[in-house]
Amino acid sequence: MNKPIIIGIAGGSASGKTSISRRIKDEFADVKSVLIIRQDDYYKDQSDKPMEERVKTNYDHPFAFDNELLLEHIKMLMEGKEIDKPTYDFVNHTRSDVTEKCYPCDVLILEGLFVLEDEHIRNLLDIKVFVDTPADLRIIRRLLRDVKERGRNMDSVISQYVNTVRVMHESFIEPSKRYADIIIPEGGKNTVAIDLLTTKISSIIHHSML
């Protein structure tokens, strides 16, 4: 198997990264194997900490991620090796005991807050994408997601956004936009931008087969 095409999709919390990743996967599902890896699954393990310490973690800072393991796994997939990807338990604020077997692929989509912020990860990417969605939409989406899917209450989500999410976005995520090859406003609803992105991916796939 040839080295996979690696696409990095970064952007603020709830900007639409996952929607775009799924659209790309659906586009190529019939012709190529596509694997999506979420940086969120590589939050550092906190099982050695009491719950009162875990809940204080700043999940919107680069230091919250185990990028060494993420890089190791990306390189293993590039070498044609399978990995046991970690998963994260957002209710208990630590890494889950459950892992997911991931196999080598033709197209690897890596999505997460700091995919473009980390130079080592950035250097492995063939296409660098930044999803640029207004802050008001992102906070609404994040509020709905965290309450419905992650067992949070509304007050804690809003407090976290005001005290850390917004600050971290301005400090780390927004500046990483300058590294993007493609900037997609409005996330998964921007069909024109997604069509252009999939056309570019098709071009790379075509040239890799020559």
Protein backbone atom coordinates (compact mmCIF):
# COMPACT_ATOMS: atom_id res chain seq x y z
CA MET A 1 0.00 0.00 0.00
CA ASN A 2 1.22 3.50 -0.87
CA LYS A 3 1.57 6.22 1.74
CA PRO A 4 -1.89 7.60 2.53
CA ILE A 5 -2.93 11.10 1.59
CA ILE A 6 -3.12 12.92 4.91
CA ILE A 7 -5.61 15.75 5.32
CA GLY A 8 -5.53 17.92 8.42
CA ILE A 9 -8.75 19.72 9.37
CA ALA A 10 -8.42 22.30 12.13
CA GLY A 11 -10.69 25.02 13.50
CA GLY A 12 -12.39 26.20 16.64
CA SER A 13 -14.54 24.07 18.89
CA ALA A 14 -17.79 23.06 17.14
CA SER A 15 -16.76 24.83 13.92
CA GLY A 16 -17.84 21.94 11.70
CA LYS A 17 -14.63 19.89 11.40
CA THR A 18 -16.41 16.57 11.89
CA SER A 19 -19.10 17.39 9.33
CA ILE A 20 -16.47 18.11 6.69
CA SER A 21 -14.53 14.96 7.58
CA ARG A 22 -17.64 12.85 7.12
CA ARG A 23 -18.49 14.52 3.82
CA ILE A 24 -15.04 13.69 2.48
CA LYS A 25 -15.27 10.11 3.72
CA ASP A 26 -18.66 9.66 2.06
CA GLU A 27 -17.32 11.11 -1.19
CA PHE A 28 -14.51 8.55 -1.48
CA ALA A 29 -16.06 5.58 0.32
CA ASP A 30 -16.70 3.65 -2.91
CA VAL A 31 -13.22 4.01 -4.37
CA LYS A 32 -10.76 4.43 -1.51
CA SER A 33 -10.41 3.44 2.13
CA VAL A 34 -10.81 6.54 4.29
CA LEU A 35 -9.96 6.74 8.00
CA ILE A 36 -10.92 9.62 10.28
CA ILE A 37 -8.84 10.18 13.41
CA ARG A 38 -10.06 12.75 15.91
CA GLN A 39 -7.46 14.56 17.97
CA ASP A 40 -10.01 14.59 20.82
CA ASP A 41 -9.35 10.88 21.35
CA TYR A 42 -5.75 11.72 22.21
CA TYR A 43 -6.45 13.80 25.31
CA LYS A 44 -3.99 12.76 27.99
CA ASP A 45 -4.95 10.01 30.40
CA GLN A 46 -6.01 11.35 33.81
CA SER A 47 -6.87 8.13 35.59
CA ASP A 48 -4.22 8.85 38.23
CA LYS A 49 -6.02 12.06 39.28
CA PRO A 50 -9.10 12.44 41.50
CA MET A 51 -12.23 13.73 39.78
CA GLU A 52 -11.95 17.15 41.38
CA GLU A 53 -8.59 17.58 39.64
CA ARG A 54 -9.73 16.15 36.31
CA VAL A 55 -12.55 18.66 35.92
CA LYS A 56 -10.04 21.52 36.20
CA THR A 57 -8.20 20.43 33.05
CA ASN A 58 -8.02 23.05 30.32
CA TYR A 59 -9.10 20.93 27.38
CA ASP A 60 -8.59 23.83 24.99
CA HIS A 61 -4.84 24.13 25.55
CA PRO A 62 -2.31 22.20 23.41
CA PHE A 63 -0.77 20.67 26.55
CA ALA A 64 -3.98 18.69 27.15
CA PHE A 65 -3.14 16.39 24.22
CA ASP A 66 -0.84 13.39 23.98
CA ASN A 67 0.61 14.45 20.64
CA GLU A 68 3.56 12.09 21.00
CA LEU A 69 1.21 9.11 20.83
CA LEU A 70 -0.78 10.73 18.02
CA LEU A 71 2.37 11.26 15.95
CA GLU A 72 3.50 7.70 16.63
CA HIS A 73 0.17 6.36 15.40
CA ILE A 74 0.14 8.53 12.27
CA LYS A 75 3.62 7.32 11.35
CA MET A 76 2.62 3.70 11.94
CA LEU A 77 -0.34 4.11 9.57
CA MET A 78 1.97 5.74 7.03
CA GLU A 79 4.16 2.64 7.26
CA GLY A 80 1.22 0.34 6.63
CA LYS A 81 0.80 -0.78 10.23
CA GLU A 82 -2.42 -1.03 12.21
CA ILE A 83 -2.94 0.87 15.47
CA ASP A 84 -5.04 0.60 18.61
CA LYS A 85 -6.45 4.11 18.81
CA PRO A 86 -7.42 5.40 22.25
CA THR A 87 -10.87 6.80 22.98
CA TYR A 88 -11.76 9.44 25.55
CA ASP A 89 -14.44 9.33 28.22
CA PHE A 90 -15.74 12.89 28.45
CA VAL A 91 -18.10 12.06 31.30
CA ASN A 92 -15.32 10.79 33.58
CA HIS A 93 -12.69 13.17 32.17
CA THR A 94 -10.07 10.55 31.38
CA ARG A 95 -9.00 8.08 28.71
CA SER A 96 -11.38 5.19 28.26
CA ASP A 97 -10.36 1.55 28.62
CA VAL A 98 -11.83 1.00 25.15
CA THR A 99 -9.54 1.20 22.11
CA GLU A 100 -10.40 1.08 18.42
CA LYS A 101 -8.48 -1.00 15.89
CA CYS A 102 -7.55 1.19 12.92
CA TYR A 103 -6.03 -0.17 9.74
CA PRO A 104 -3.84 1.39 7.03
CA CYS A 105 -5.83 3.46 4.56
CA ASP A 106 -5.65 5.40 1.30
CA VAL A 107 -6.88 8.68 2.78
CA LEU A 108 -6.27 9.67 6.39
CA ILE A 109 -8.28 12.58 7.77
CA LEU A 110 -6.94 14.07 10.98
CA GLU A 111 -9.29 16.55 12.61
CA GLY A 112 -8.88 18.56 15.77
CA LEU A 113 -8.37 21.93 17.41
CA PHE A 114 -4.58 21.96 17.13
CA VAL A 115 -3.91 19.94 13.99
CA LEU A 116 -2.29 22.97 12.34
CA GLU A 117 -0.83 24.44 15.54
CA ASP A 118 1.62 21.58 16.12
CA GLU A 119 4.56 21.82 13.70
CA HIS A 120 5.40 18.10 13.84
CA ILE A 121 1.85 17.13 12.89
CA ARG A 122 1.62 19.91 10.33
CA ASN A 123 4.70 18.66 8.50
CA LEU A 124 3.01 15.31 7.83
CA LEU A 125 -0.04 16.83 6.13
CA ASP A 126 -0.59 16.83 2.38
CA ILE A 127 -3.57 19.19 2.61
CA LYS A 128 -4.12 21.64 5.47
CA VAL A 129 -7.67 22.87 6.05
CA PHE A 130 -9.01 25.46 8.49
CA VAL A 131 -12.74 25.65 9.22
CA ASP A 132 -13.60 29.29 9.91
CA THR A 133 -16.98 29.58 11.64
CA PRO A 134 -18.28 32.63 13.58
CA ALA A 135 -17.98 32.46 17.36
CA ASP A 136 -21.72 32.79 18.00
CA LEU A 137 -22.47 29.67 15.95
CA ARG A 138 -19.64 27.73 17.57
CA ILE A 139 -20.79 28.43 21.13
CA ILE A 140 -24.38 27.41 20.30
CA ARG A 141 -23.21 24.17 18.67
CA ARG A 142 -20.82 23.43 21.53
CA LEU A 143 -23.54 24.04 24.11
CA LEU A 144 -25.93 21.64 22.40
CA ARG A 145 -23.23 19.00 21.86
CA ASP A 146 -21.77 19.04 25.36
CA VAL A 147 -25.16 18.91 27.09
CA LYS A 148 -26.58 16.16 24.84
CA GLU A 149 -23.51 14.03 24.23
CA ARG A 150 -21.03 14.69 27.04
CA GLY A 151 -23.20 14.85 30.14
CA ARG A 152 -22.50 18.53 30.85
CA ASN A 153 -24.88 21.17 32.18
CA MET A 154 -25.48 24.51 30.50
CA ASP A 155 -23.85 26.65 33.21
CA SER A 156 -20.59 24.68 33.14
CA VAL A 157 -20.37 24.83 29.34
CA ILE A 158 -20.91 28.59 29.27
CA SER A 159 -18.42 29.15 32.11
CA GLN A 160 -15.80 27.05 30.34
CA TYR A 161 -16.32 28.94 27.10
CA VAL A 162 -15.97 32.36 28.71
CA ASN A 163 -12.98 31.47 30.91
CA THR A 164 -10.91 29.21 28.66
CA VAL A 165 -12.34 28.29 25.26
CA ARG A 166 -12.51 31.81 23.88
CA VAL A 167 -9.08 32.76 25.22
CA MET A 168 -7.42 29.59 23.94
CA HIS A 169 -9.04 30.01 20.54
CA GLU A 170 -7.62 33.50 20.17
CA SER A 171 -4.20 32.45 21.50
CA PHE A 172 -3.62 29.17 19.66
CA ILE A 173 -6.28 28.16 17.17
CA GLU A 174 -7.02 31.34 15.24
CA PRO A 175 -3.29 32.05 14.62
CA SER A 176 -2.87 28.55 13.12
CA LYS A 177 -5.15 29.60 10.25
CA ARG A 178 -2.12 31.11 8.51
CA TYR A 179 -0.80 27.60 7.84
CA ALA A 180 -3.93 26.47 5.98
CA ASP A 181 -3.96 25.66 2.28
CA ILE A 182 -7.74 25.96 2.26
CA ILE A 183 -10.01 28.02 4.55
CA ILE A 184 -13.64 26.90 4.65
CA PRO A 185 -16.19 29.36 6.06
CA GLU A 186 -19.34 27.94 7.67
CA GLY A 187 -18.12 24.35 8.00
CA GLY A 188 -20.04 21.46 6.47
CA LYS A 189 -22.68 23.69 4.89
CA ASN A 190 -20.18 25.20 2.47
CA THR A 191 -20.73 22.75 -0.37
CA VAL A 192 -18.69 24.75 -2.90
CA ALA A 193 -15.57 24.67 -0.71
CA ILE A 194 -16.03 20.97 0.04
CA ASP A 195 -16.41 20.22 -3.68
CA LEU A 196 -13.14 22.08 -4.36
CA LEU A 197 -11.45 20.14 -1.57
CA THR A 198 -12.62 16.76 -2.84
CA THR A 199 -11.50 17.73 -6.36
CA LYS A 200 -8.02 18.46 -5.00
CA ILE A 201 -7.94 15.13 -3.16
CA SER A 202 -8.98 13.35 -6.36
CA SER A 203 -6.12 15.06 -8.18
CA ILE A 204 -3.57 13.89 -5.60
CA ILE A 205 -4.96 10.35 -5.73
CA HIS A 206 -4.72 10.36 -9.52
CA HIS A 207 -1.10 11.55 -9.54
CA SER A 208 -0.13 9.02 -6.86
CA MET A 209 -1.35 6.21 -9.11
CA LEU A 210 0.72 7.29 -12.11
